[in-house]
N, C-alpha and C. Protein backbone atom coordinates (compact mmCIF):
# COMPACT_ATOMS: atom_id res chain seq x y z
N MET A 1 35.83 -3.07 -50.67
CA MET A 1 36.53 -2.79 -51.96
C MET A 1 37.69 -2.08 -51.61
N THR A 2 38.36 -1.98 -50.76
CA THR A 2 39.60 -0.94 -50.49
C THR A 2 40.80 -1.56 -51.22
N ASP A 3 40.87 -3.06 -51.46
CA ASP A 3 41.99 -3.52 -51.86
C ASP A 3 41.40 -4.39 -53.25
N TRP A 4 40.65 -3.45 -54.12
CA TRP A 4 40.11 -3.82 -55.17
C TRP A 4 41.21 -4.19 -56.34
N LEU A 5 42.08 -3.23 -56.63
CA LEU A 5 43.25 -3.21 -57.59
C LEU A 5 44.30 -3.86 -56.88
N GLN A 6 44.39 -5.12 -56.97
CA GLN A 6 45.54 -5.67 -56.16
C GLN A 6 46.76 -5.83 -57.48
N ALA A 7 47.91 -5.72 -57.03
CA ALA A 7 49.21 -5.78 -57.87
C ALA A 7 49.07 -7.20 -58.70
N VAL A 8 48.97 -7.44 -59.77
CA VAL A 8 49.08 -8.66 -60.54
C VAL A 8 49.63 -8.55 -62.08
N ALA A 9 50.36 -9.76 -62.70
CA ALA A 9 51.38 -9.47 -63.92
C ALA A 9 50.19 -10.32 -64.82
N LEU A 10 50.05 -9.71 -65.99
CA LEU A 10 49.40 -9.84 -67.00
C LEU A 10 50.38 -10.62 -68.03
N GLU A 11 50.03 -11.79 -68.63
CA GLU A 11 50.78 -12.51 -69.61
C GLU A 11 50.02 -12.95 -70.98
N THR A 12 50.57 -12.35 -72.12
CA THR A 12 50.02 -12.59 -73.52
C THR A 12 51.00 -13.38 -74.10
N GLU A 13 50.98 -13.79 -75.42
CA GLU A 13 51.89 -14.59 -76.09
C GLU A 13 52.98 -13.87 -76.36
N LEU A 14 53.10 -12.55 -76.60
CA LEU A 14 54.01 -11.30 -77.17
C LEU A 14 54.47 -10.62 -75.96
N ALA A 15 53.67 -10.40 -74.89
CA ALA A 15 54.16 -9.62 -73.91
C ALA A 15 53.84 -10.12 -72.50
N LEU A 16 54.53 -9.50 -71.36
CA LEU A 16 54.26 -9.49 -70.08
C LEU A 16 53.92 -8.11 -69.39
N LEU A 17 52.74 -7.79 -69.01
CA LEU A 17 52.57 -6.50 -68.22
C LEU A 17 52.83 -6.91 -66.62
N ARG A 18 53.59 -6.08 -66.12
CA ARG A 18 53.88 -6.46 -64.63
C ARG A 18 53.89 -4.88 -63.99
N PRO A 19 53.83 -5.02 -62.97
CA PRO A 19 53.49 -3.71 -61.91
C PRO A 19 55.05 -3.12 -62.12
N LEU A 20 54.71 -1.59 -62.42
CA LEU A 20 55.79 -0.70 -62.39
C LEU A 20 56.56 -0.53 -61.34
N HIS A 21 57.94 -0.59 -61.05
CA HIS A 21 58.75 -0.26 -59.93
C HIS A 21 59.43 1.08 -60.50
N ALA A 22 60.05 1.53 -59.24
CA ALA A 22 60.91 2.65 -59.26
C ALA A 22 61.96 2.76 -60.10
N ASP A 23 62.61 1.33 -60.16
CA ASP A 23 63.65 1.23 -61.06
C ASP A 23 63.69 0.78 -62.43
N ASP A 24 62.43 1.19 -62.75
CA ASP A 24 61.97 0.80 -64.15
C ASP A 24 62.35 2.39 -65.12
N ALA A 25 62.59 3.40 -64.21
CA ALA A 25 62.75 4.53 -65.02
C ALA A 25 63.54 4.62 -66.19
N ASP A 26 64.88 4.33 -66.16
CA ASP A 26 65.87 4.28 -67.14
C ASP A 26 65.38 3.45 -68.58
N ALA A 27 64.55 2.16 -68.31
CA ALA A 27 64.04 1.36 -69.53
C ALA A 27 62.79 2.24 -70.01
N LEU A 28 61.94 2.94 -69.28
CA LEU A 28 60.91 3.59 -69.77
C LEU A 28 61.52 4.66 -70.77
N VAL A 29 62.44 5.17 -70.36
CA VAL A 29 63.33 6.52 -71.24
C VAL A 29 63.68 6.00 -72.30
N ALA A 30 64.44 4.63 -72.17
CA ALA A 30 64.89 4.07 -73.57
C ALA A 30 63.84 3.62 -74.53
N ALA A 31 62.63 3.22 -73.81
CA ALA A 31 61.49 2.80 -74.74
C ALA A 31 60.94 3.93 -75.43
N ALA A 32 60.71 5.39 -74.95
CA ALA A 32 60.10 6.43 -75.34
C ALA A 32 61.36 6.97 -76.42
N SER A 33 62.39 6.67 -76.19
CA SER A 33 63.50 7.42 -77.41
C SER A 33 63.42 6.41 -78.65
N ASP A 34 62.66 5.72 -78.66
CA ASP A 34 62.24 5.05 -80.03
C ASP A 34 61.10 5.97 -80.54
N GLY A 35 61.25 6.89 -81.26
CA GLY A 35 60.44 7.83 -81.50
C GLY A 35 60.42 9.08 -81.21
N ARG A 36 61.49 9.19 -80.31
CA ARG A 36 61.09 10.66 -79.39
C ARG A 36 59.93 10.93 -78.76
N LEU A 37 59.22 10.09 -78.14
CA LEU A 37 57.67 10.23 -77.88
C LEU A 37 57.50 11.24 -76.94
N TRP A 38 58.55 11.99 -76.28
CA TRP A 38 58.11 13.02 -75.41
C TRP A 38 58.10 14.44 -76.25
N GLU A 39 58.10 14.36 -77.49
CA GLU A 39 58.27 15.59 -78.46
C GLU A 39 56.69 15.68 -78.89
N LEU A 40 55.80 14.89 -78.46
CA LEU A 40 54.52 14.62 -79.05
C LEU A 40 53.75 15.56 -78.19
N TRP A 41 53.56 16.72 -78.36
CA TRP A 41 52.87 17.90 -77.45
C TRP A 41 51.50 17.67 -76.95
N TYR A 42 50.55 16.67 -77.77
CA TYR A 42 49.24 16.09 -76.91
C TYR A 42 49.32 15.07 -76.28
N THR A 43 50.43 14.65 -75.80
CA THR A 43 50.34 13.52 -74.75
C THR A 43 51.43 13.79 -73.66
N GLN A 44 51.42 12.85 -72.73
CA GLN A 44 52.56 12.95 -71.41
C GLN A 44 53.33 11.86 -71.41
N VAL A 45 54.68 11.84 -72.17
CA VAL A 45 55.39 10.54 -72.08
C VAL A 45 56.94 11.12 -71.57
N PRO A 46 57.56 10.61 -70.62
CA PRO A 46 58.47 11.12 -69.94
C PRO A 46 59.89 11.13 -70.65
N ASP A 47 60.65 12.11 -70.57
CA ASP A 47 62.02 11.98 -70.94
C ASP A 47 62.73 11.74 -69.78
N ALA A 48 64.30 11.85 -70.03
CA ALA A 48 65.03 11.73 -68.94
C ALA A 48 64.99 12.64 -67.69
N ASP A 49 64.40 13.98 -67.93
CA ASP A 49 64.37 14.61 -66.87
C ASP A 49 63.15 14.89 -66.20
N SER A 50 62.16 14.24 -66.55
CA SER A 50 60.67 13.92 -66.08
C SER A 50 60.40 12.66 -65.50
N VAL A 51 61.04 11.75 -65.96
CA VAL A 51 60.74 10.15 -65.55
C VAL A 51 60.63 9.85 -64.01
N ALA A 52 61.41 10.39 -63.17
CA ALA A 52 61.59 10.34 -61.99
C ALA A 52 60.16 10.62 -61.21
N SER A 53 59.57 11.74 -61.61
CA SER A 53 58.30 12.21 -61.12
C SER A 53 56.98 11.42 -61.85
N TYR A 54 57.23 11.37 -63.10
CA TYR A 54 56.45 10.46 -63.67
C TYR A 54 56.26 9.11 -63.04
N VAL A 55 57.19 8.34 -62.78
CA VAL A 55 56.83 7.11 -61.98
C VAL A 55 56.56 7.19 -60.55
N ALA A 56 57.12 8.34 -59.99
CA ALA A 56 56.58 8.67 -58.65
C ALA A 56 55.21 8.54 -58.47
N GLU A 57 54.80 9.54 -59.28
CA GLU A 57 53.38 9.93 -59.33
C GLU A 57 52.49 8.71 -59.51
N ALA A 58 52.86 7.94 -60.44
CA ALA A 58 52.06 6.69 -60.70
C ALA A 58 52.12 5.80 -59.58
N LEU A 59 53.17 5.58 -58.78
CA LEU A 59 53.18 4.65 -57.57
C LEU A 59 52.64 5.28 -56.34
N ARG A 60 52.57 6.65 -56.41
CA ARG A 60 51.62 7.26 -55.54
C ARG A 60 50.16 7.10 -55.63
N GLU A 61 49.61 7.04 -56.90
CA GLU A 61 48.15 6.85 -57.14
C GLU A 61 48.00 5.31 -56.96
N GLN A 62 48.93 4.46 -56.83
CA GLN A 62 48.73 2.95 -57.02
C GLN A 62 48.63 2.71 -55.28
N GLN A 63 49.53 3.53 -54.64
CA GLN A 63 49.37 3.47 -52.93
C GLN A 63 48.03 3.84 -52.46
N LEU A 64 47.21 4.81 -53.00
CA LEU A 64 46.06 5.33 -52.70
C LEU A 64 44.96 4.32 -53.39
N GLY A 65 45.30 3.38 -53.89
CA GLY A 65 44.36 2.81 -54.49
C GLY A 65 43.68 2.94 -55.86
N ARG A 66 44.12 4.01 -56.23
CA ARG A 66 43.39 4.57 -57.53
C ARG A 66 43.99 4.23 -58.96
N ALA A 67 45.04 3.70 -58.94
CA ALA A 67 45.65 2.94 -60.07
C ALA A 67 46.55 2.00 -59.65
N LEU A 68 46.90 1.26 -61.34
CA LEU A 68 47.52 0.20 -61.14
C LEU A 68 48.53 0.17 -62.68
N PRO A 69 49.57 0.91 -62.29
CA PRO A 69 50.44 1.25 -63.29
C PRO A 69 51.33 -0.39 -63.69
N PHE A 70 51.69 -0.45 -65.04
CA PHE A 70 52.13 -1.60 -65.64
C PHE A 70 53.42 -1.08 -66.38
N VAL A 71 54.46 -1.92 -66.67
CA VAL A 71 55.43 -1.64 -67.71
C VAL A 71 54.85 -2.99 -68.43
N VAL A 72 55.26 -2.62 -69.97
CA VAL A 72 55.15 -3.79 -70.95
C VAL A 72 56.62 -4.21 -71.29
N VAL A 73 56.39 -5.42 -71.32
CA VAL A 73 57.89 -5.87 -71.59
C VAL A 73 57.56 -7.01 -72.94
N GLU A 74 58.34 -6.94 -73.83
CA GLU A 74 58.37 -7.41 -75.13
C GLU A 74 59.01 -8.81 -74.55
N ARG A 75 58.34 -10.19 -74.80
CA ARG A 75 58.75 -11.47 -74.49
C ARG A 75 59.83 -11.65 -75.21
N ALA A 76 59.87 -11.38 -76.54
CA ALA A 76 60.93 -11.97 -77.38
C ALA A 76 62.29 -11.35 -77.10
N SER A 77 62.48 -10.22 -76.77
CA SER A 77 63.46 -9.46 -76.59
C SER A 77 64.11 -9.25 -74.94
N GLY A 78 62.81 -9.25 -74.34
CA GLY A 78 62.83 -8.80 -72.68
C GLY A 78 63.21 -7.53 -72.44
N GLN A 79 62.91 -6.69 -73.50
CA GLN A 79 63.03 -5.24 -73.10
C GLN A 79 61.72 -4.53 -72.90
N VAL A 80 61.64 -3.60 -72.08
CA VAL A 80 60.62 -2.61 -71.72
C VAL A 80 60.36 -1.88 -72.95
N VAL A 81 59.12 -2.02 -73.47
CA VAL A 81 58.69 -1.41 -74.86
C VAL A 81 57.37 -0.43 -74.58
N GLY A 82 57.02 0.00 -73.20
CA GLY A 82 56.16 0.79 -73.19
C GLY A 82 55.38 0.63 -71.59
N THR A 83 54.08 1.55 -71.37
CA THR A 83 53.63 1.36 -70.13
C THR A 83 52.33 1.68 -70.31
N THR A 84 51.35 1.05 -69.40
CA THR A 84 49.99 1.38 -69.40
C THR A 84 49.56 1.24 -67.84
N ARG A 85 48.39 1.76 -67.77
CA ARG A 85 47.50 1.58 -66.27
C ARG A 85 46.42 1.47 -66.12
N TYR A 86 45.78 0.93 -65.37
CA TYR A 86 44.53 0.96 -64.79
C TYR A 86 44.44 2.35 -63.80
N CYS A 87 43.64 3.46 -63.96
CA CYS A 87 43.63 4.91 -63.40
C CYS A 87 42.47 5.19 -63.11
N HIS A 88 42.26 6.30 -62.44
CA HIS A 88 40.84 6.84 -61.93
C HIS A 88 39.96 5.84 -61.42
N ALA A 89 40.33 4.63 -60.62
CA ALA A 89 39.74 3.46 -60.32
C ALA A 89 38.55 3.73 -59.41
N ASP A 90 37.43 3.38 -59.52
CA ASP A 90 36.20 3.77 -58.67
C ASP A 90 35.81 2.36 -58.03
N ALA A 91 36.26 1.81 -57.19
CA ALA A 91 35.72 0.48 -56.49
C ALA A 91 34.26 0.35 -56.35
N ALA A 92 33.58 1.49 -55.64
CA ALA A 92 32.29 1.29 -55.43
C ALA A 92 31.35 1.30 -56.45
N ASN A 93 31.83 1.96 -57.22
CA ASN A 93 30.88 1.98 -58.69
C ASN A 93 31.40 0.85 -59.91
N ARG A 94 32.66 0.23 -59.60
CA ARG A 94 33.26 -0.91 -60.17
C ARG A 94 33.56 -0.41 -61.88
N ARG A 95 34.24 0.69 -62.04
CA ARG A 95 34.55 1.58 -63.03
C ARG A 95 36.20 1.85 -62.89
N LEU A 96 36.75 1.74 -64.04
CA LEU A 96 38.41 2.16 -64.14
C LEU A 96 38.51 2.73 -65.43
N GLU A 97 39.56 3.30 -65.45
CA GLU A 97 40.03 3.82 -67.04
C GLU A 97 41.28 3.19 -67.40
N ILE A 98 41.54 2.68 -68.67
CA ILE A 98 42.91 2.21 -68.93
C ILE A 98 43.40 3.54 -69.72
N GLY A 99 44.72 4.02 -69.32
CA GLY A 99 45.11 5.08 -69.62
C GLY A 99 46.87 5.22 -69.60
N TYR A 100 47.57 6.34 -69.83
CA TYR A 100 48.66 6.87 -69.73
C TYR A 100 49.46 5.53 -70.33
N THR A 101 48.80 5.13 -71.75
CA THR A 101 49.32 4.05 -72.54
C THR A 101 50.28 4.41 -73.68
N TRP A 102 51.61 4.23 -73.69
CA TRP A 102 52.34 4.44 -74.99
C TRP A 102 53.27 3.37 -74.95
N TYR A 103 53.75 3.18 -76.30
CA TYR A 103 54.74 1.95 -76.61
C TYR A 103 55.70 2.56 -77.51
N ALA A 104 57.16 2.12 -77.63
CA ALA A 104 57.97 2.48 -78.53
C ALA A 104 57.41 2.43 -79.80
N SER A 105 57.80 3.27 -80.87
CA SER A 105 57.44 3.45 -81.93
C SER A 105 57.29 1.79 -82.64
N ARG A 106 58.10 1.33 -82.53
CA ARG A 106 58.10 -0.06 -83.38
C ARG A 106 57.28 -0.80 -82.81
N CYS A 107 56.40 -0.66 -82.01
CA CYS A 107 55.41 -1.80 -81.22
C CYS A 107 53.95 -1.07 -81.47
N GLN A 108 53.61 0.08 -82.08
CA GLN A 108 52.41 0.50 -82.27
C GLN A 108 51.87 0.17 -83.40
N ARG A 109 50.52 -0.37 -83.10
CA ARG A 109 49.71 -0.84 -84.22
C ARG A 109 50.09 -2.05 -84.55
N THR A 110 50.69 -2.89 -83.44
CA THR A 110 51.03 -4.27 -83.71
C THR A 110 50.17 -5.27 -82.87
N ALA A 111 50.38 -6.46 -83.10
CA ALA A 111 49.70 -7.31 -82.23
C ALA A 111 49.97 -7.60 -80.99
N LEU A 112 51.27 -7.14 -80.43
CA LEU A 112 51.72 -7.01 -79.03
C LEU A 112 50.60 -5.85 -78.54
N ASN A 113 50.42 -4.88 -79.05
CA ASN A 113 49.62 -3.64 -78.56
C ASN A 113 48.09 -4.18 -78.11
N THR A 114 47.59 -5.07 -79.15
CA THR A 114 46.19 -5.68 -79.50
C THR A 114 46.04 -6.55 -78.26
N GLN A 115 47.02 -7.55 -78.24
CA GLN A 115 46.99 -8.39 -76.83
C GLN A 115 47.23 -7.76 -75.52
N CYS A 116 47.95 -6.85 -75.46
CA CYS A 116 47.90 -6.21 -74.24
C CYS A 116 46.54 -5.38 -73.71
N LYS A 117 45.84 -4.90 -74.93
CA LYS A 117 44.55 -4.29 -74.51
C LYS A 117 43.58 -5.47 -74.06
N LEU A 118 43.56 -6.72 -74.87
CA LEU A 118 42.72 -7.93 -74.72
C LEU A 118 42.91 -8.14 -73.17
N ALA A 119 44.20 -8.42 -72.69
CA ALA A 119 44.67 -8.86 -71.65
C ALA A 119 44.00 -7.98 -70.27
N LEU A 120 44.20 -6.50 -70.56
CA LEU A 120 43.71 -5.61 -69.52
C LEU A 120 42.25 -5.47 -69.51
N LEU A 121 41.61 -5.42 -70.48
CA LEU A 121 40.08 -5.59 -70.57
C LEU A 121 39.41 -7.00 -69.99
N GLN A 122 39.99 -8.15 -70.42
CA GLN A 122 39.85 -9.20 -69.72
C GLN A 122 40.00 -9.34 -68.27
N GLN A 123 40.77 -8.90 -67.86
CA GLN A 123 41.01 -8.77 -66.30
C GLN A 123 40.22 -7.80 -65.60
N ALA A 124 39.92 -6.77 -66.35
CA ALA A 124 39.15 -5.62 -65.89
C ALA A 124 37.42 -6.28 -65.59
N PHE A 125 36.96 -6.81 -66.71
CA PHE A 125 35.53 -7.44 -66.85
C PHE A 125 35.21 -8.60 -66.19
N GLU A 126 36.23 -9.39 -66.47
CA GLU A 126 36.26 -11.08 -66.01
C GLU A 126 36.78 -11.08 -64.66
N VAL A 127 37.67 -10.33 -63.94
CA VAL A 127 38.37 -10.62 -62.72
C VAL A 127 38.01 -9.57 -61.90
N LEU A 128 37.73 -8.34 -62.19
CA LEU A 128 37.54 -7.27 -61.29
C LEU A 128 36.04 -6.99 -61.21
N GLY A 129 35.48 -7.29 -62.19
CA GLY A 129 33.91 -7.10 -62.25
C GLY A 129 33.54 -6.13 -62.89
N CYS A 130 34.26 -5.21 -63.63
CA CYS A 130 34.13 -3.76 -64.11
C CYS A 130 32.60 -3.75 -64.73
N VAL A 131 31.78 -2.82 -64.62
CA VAL A 131 30.63 -2.40 -65.44
C VAL A 131 30.96 -1.51 -66.31
N ALA A 132 32.03 -0.91 -66.60
CA ALA A 132 32.24 -0.07 -67.43
C ALA A 132 34.00 0.32 -67.24
N VAL A 133 34.49 0.29 -68.53
CA VAL A 133 36.03 0.68 -68.68
C VAL A 133 36.12 1.80 -69.62
N GLU A 134 36.48 2.88 -69.03
CA GLU A 134 36.78 4.16 -70.05
C GLU A 134 38.11 4.30 -70.46
N PHE A 135 38.44 5.06 -71.80
CA PHE A 135 39.39 5.59 -72.16
C PHE A 135 39.39 7.04 -72.43
N ARG A 136 40.43 7.67 -72.35
CA ARG A 136 40.34 9.44 -72.31
C ARG A 136 41.60 9.67 -73.15
N THR A 137 41.51 10.61 -74.10
CA THR A 137 42.51 11.05 -74.63
C THR A 137 42.33 12.63 -75.21
N HIS A 138 43.46 13.14 -75.55
CA HIS A 138 43.51 14.54 -75.93
C HIS A 138 42.42 14.82 -77.31
N TRP A 139 41.96 16.03 -77.38
CA TRP A 139 41.17 16.06 -78.76
C TRP A 139 41.94 16.06 -79.97
N HIS A 140 43.20 16.24 -79.95
CA HIS A 140 44.27 16.45 -81.07
C HIS A 140 45.10 15.18 -81.04
N ASN A 141 44.85 14.35 -80.28
CA ASN A 141 45.72 12.94 -80.41
C ASN A 141 44.82 12.05 -81.58
N HIS A 142 44.89 12.51 -82.70
CA HIS A 142 43.96 11.80 -83.56
C HIS A 142 44.22 10.31 -83.70
N GLN A 143 45.49 9.70 -83.59
CA GLN A 143 46.02 8.51 -83.61
C GLN A 143 45.40 7.59 -82.54
N SER A 144 45.44 8.31 -81.23
CA SER A 144 44.53 7.44 -80.10
C SER A 144 43.19 7.34 -80.36
N ARG A 145 42.76 8.29 -80.85
CA ARG A 145 41.16 8.58 -81.06
C ARG A 145 40.72 7.28 -81.82
N ALA A 146 41.42 7.26 -82.85
CA ALA A 146 41.41 6.08 -83.83
C ALA A 146 41.63 4.69 -83.33
N ALA A 147 42.75 4.37 -82.69
CA ALA A 147 42.98 3.24 -81.81
C ALA A 147 41.77 2.86 -80.92
N ILE A 148 41.28 3.79 -80.11
CA ILE A 148 40.30 3.47 -79.27
C ILE A 148 39.08 2.98 -79.83
N ALA A 149 38.57 3.88 -81.06
CA ALA A 149 37.37 3.30 -81.55
C ALA A 149 37.51 1.95 -82.33
N ARG A 150 38.99 1.80 -82.86
CA ARG A 150 39.02 0.15 -83.50
C ARG A 150 38.95 -0.88 -82.22
N LEU A 151 39.11 -0.35 -81.10
CA LEU A 151 38.71 -1.52 -80.02
C LEU A 151 37.51 -1.90 -79.72
N GLY A 152 36.62 -0.95 -80.28
CA GLY A 152 35.28 -1.48 -80.03
C GLY A 152 34.64 -0.31 -79.28
N ALA A 153 35.39 0.34 -78.51
CA ALA A 153 34.93 1.50 -77.45
C ALA A 153 33.84 2.82 -78.18
N LYS A 154 33.05 3.04 -77.55
CA LYS A 154 32.24 3.90 -78.02
C LYS A 154 32.36 5.55 -77.42
N GLN A 155 32.38 6.55 -78.22
CA GLN A 155 32.61 7.90 -77.62
C GLN A 155 31.40 8.03 -76.74
N ASP A 156 31.58 8.73 -75.68
CA ASP A 156 30.61 9.39 -74.66
C ASP A 156 30.64 10.57 -74.88
N GLY A 157 31.32 11.32 -75.35
CA GLY A 157 31.22 12.78 -75.23
C GLY A 157 33.03 13.69 -75.24
N VAL A 158 32.83 15.06 -75.23
CA VAL A 158 33.96 15.69 -75.24
C VAL A 158 33.94 16.57 -73.93
N LEU A 159 34.75 16.37 -72.97
CA LEU A 159 35.08 17.49 -71.79
C LEU A 159 35.90 18.72 -72.14
N ARG A 160 34.80 19.79 -72.28
CA ARG A 160 35.72 21.09 -72.96
C ARG A 160 36.24 21.65 -71.85
N ASN A 161 37.57 21.89 -72.11
CA ASN A 161 38.49 22.79 -71.00
C ASN A 161 38.30 21.91 -69.72
N HIS A 162 38.97 20.83 -70.12
CA HIS A 162 38.99 19.74 -69.19
C HIS A 162 40.14 19.66 -68.17
N ARG A 163 41.13 20.39 -68.73
CA ARG A 163 42.32 20.44 -67.76
C ARG A 163 43.14 21.47 -68.44
N LEU A 164 43.84 22.14 -67.53
CA LEU A 164 44.83 23.16 -67.77
C LEU A 164 46.36 22.42 -67.92
N GLU A 165 46.78 22.61 -69.18
CA GLU A 165 48.25 21.95 -69.17
C GLU A 165 49.33 22.98 -68.36
N PRO A 166 50.47 22.27 -68.47
CA PRO A 166 51.50 23.22 -67.55
C PRO A 166 51.90 24.37 -68.49
N ASP A 167 51.66 24.73 -69.46
CA ASP A 167 52.14 25.68 -70.39
C ASP A 167 50.82 26.69 -70.36
N GLY A 168 49.65 26.54 -69.67
CA GLY A 168 48.44 27.28 -69.61
C GLY A 168 47.42 26.95 -70.82
N ALA A 169 47.81 26.06 -71.78
CA ALA A 169 46.46 25.59 -72.74
C ALA A 169 45.44 24.86 -72.13
N ARG A 170 44.49 24.87 -72.37
CA ARG A 170 43.53 24.26 -72.10
C ARG A 170 43.19 23.06 -72.93
N ARG A 171 43.09 21.72 -72.46
CA ARG A 171 42.94 20.37 -73.12
C ARG A 171 41.24 20.33 -73.08
N ASP A 172 41.12 19.96 -74.31
CA ASP A 172 39.65 19.28 -74.55
C ASP A 172 39.93 17.60 -74.45
N THR A 173 39.12 16.85 -73.64
CA THR A 173 39.37 15.33 -73.66
C THR A 173 38.29 14.45 -74.12
N VAL A 174 38.51 13.82 -74.78
CA VAL A 174 37.52 13.00 -75.54
C VAL A 174 37.52 11.68 -74.47
N VAL A 175 36.20 11.19 -74.32
CA VAL A 175 36.04 10.04 -73.27
C VAL A 175 35.16 9.11 -74.03
N PHE A 176 35.64 8.00 -73.87
CA PHE A 176 35.29 6.44 -74.45
C PHE A 176 34.97 5.61 -73.48
N SER A 177 34.02 4.32 -73.87
CA SER A 177 33.95 3.52 -72.89
C SER A 177 33.53 2.28 -73.51
N ILE A 178 33.58 1.20 -72.84
CA ILE A 178 33.09 -0.17 -73.08
C ILE A 178 32.44 -0.54 -72.02
N LEU A 179 31.12 -1.09 -71.89
CA LEU A 179 30.19 -1.55 -71.13
C LEU A 179 30.36 -3.09 -70.76
N ASP A 180 29.73 -3.47 -69.56
CA ASP A 180 30.14 -4.86 -69.49
C ASP A 180 29.25 -5.62 -70.37
N SER A 181 28.06 -5.03 -70.80
CA SER A 181 27.31 -5.81 -71.56
C SER A 181 27.91 -6.10 -73.22
N GLU A 182 28.76 -5.19 -73.34
CA GLU A 182 29.23 -5.06 -74.80
C GLU A 182 30.70 -5.75 -74.66
N TRP A 183 31.30 -6.08 -73.73
CA TRP A 183 32.51 -6.95 -73.79
C TRP A 183 32.61 -8.12 -74.62
N PRO A 184 31.66 -8.92 -74.43
CA PRO A 184 31.48 -10.24 -75.33
C PRO A 184 31.78 -10.04 -76.98
N SER A 185 31.00 -9.05 -77.04
CA SER A 185 31.41 -8.49 -78.59
C SER A 185 32.64 -8.01 -79.11
N VAL A 186 33.11 -7.11 -78.08
CA VAL A 186 34.60 -6.65 -78.27
C VAL A 186 35.45 -7.75 -78.02
N ARG A 187 35.16 -8.58 -77.05
CA ARG A 187 36.42 -9.60 -76.96
C ARG A 187 36.34 -10.46 -78.33
N LYS A 188 35.25 -11.04 -78.92
CA LYS A 188 35.30 -11.62 -79.88
C LYS A 188 35.89 -11.07 -81.22
N SER A 189 35.77 -9.64 -81.30
CA SER A 189 36.42 -8.81 -82.60
C SER A 189 37.67 -8.76 -82.20
N LEU A 190 38.36 -8.51 -81.00
CA LEU A 190 39.87 -8.59 -80.80
C LEU A 190 40.63 -9.72 -80.78
N LEU A 191 39.66 -11.14 -80.78
CA LEU A 191 40.26 -12.33 -80.90
C LEU A 191 40.47 -12.61 -82.67
N HIS A 192 39.31 -12.01 -83.15
CA HIS A 192 39.21 -12.25 -84.44
C HIS A 192 40.31 -11.56 -85.18
N ARG A 193 40.51 -10.48 -84.64
CA ARG A 193 41.46 -9.63 -85.33
C ARG A 193 43.09 -10.34 -85.31
N LEU A 194 43.45 -10.59 -83.79
CA LEU A 194 44.51 -11.40 -83.71
C LEU A 194 44.67 -12.44 -84.37
N ALA A 195 43.43 -13.43 -84.67
CA ALA A 195 43.82 -14.61 -85.17
C ALA A 195 43.84 -14.49 -86.80
N ARG A 196 43.54 -13.11 -87.12
CA ARG A 196 43.92 -12.97 -88.59
C ARG A 196 45.03 -12.02 -88.98
N HIS A 197 45.73 -12.00 -87.91
CA HIS A 197 47.13 -10.98 -87.64
C HIS A 197 46.91 -9.67 -88.43
N VAL A 198 45.61 -9.21 -88.12
CA VAL A 198 45.39 -7.72 -88.34
C VAL A 198 46.02 -6.59 -87.49
N GLU A 199 46.94 -5.98 -87.98
CA GLU A 199 47.52 -4.97 -86.95
C GLU A 199 46.45 -3.85 -86.35
N ARG A 200 46.67 -3.48 -85.22
CA ARG A 200 45.89 -2.39 -84.90
C ARG A 200 46.24 -1.20 -85.23
């Protein structure tokens, strides 16, 4: 199970999710500039000063077999519009998390975002054979919490004082998950929303 997370590209009608490379740093900053996402205090989006270490850490986790980071490329424009990754991968127990997800403001709550989630979940459950896929977010990130619930994930609980932030603040983390037994219904729901052009 050491090679469980093989680098792979995932394609949808609107987006290409391809493995992150070190030279994607400038494109990520450009995407994050749409909305100045690094100014959101409850999430971690890189700016020009932090993007090199952000990318290096993601690639280090990939080397260790614990993550598979992607950049999200909008097919219509060819532009990088965000990033997401499989992380905290536990091959022995066939579990992973979809996290570190952010999009340029213009792509938030769009069909592109929904298609990407569908592709990631389909790969996780139908190719990797996951028994559970987790999502975690900051207690104060209400937009993210609502988006995760709309996917069909159920809240498992809240990890109080889960992490110390760089400024010393203590973060409470909300944990959601989708089980393999729930995947067929979640998949049907996502396909139905996309067919009706319902924005996420």
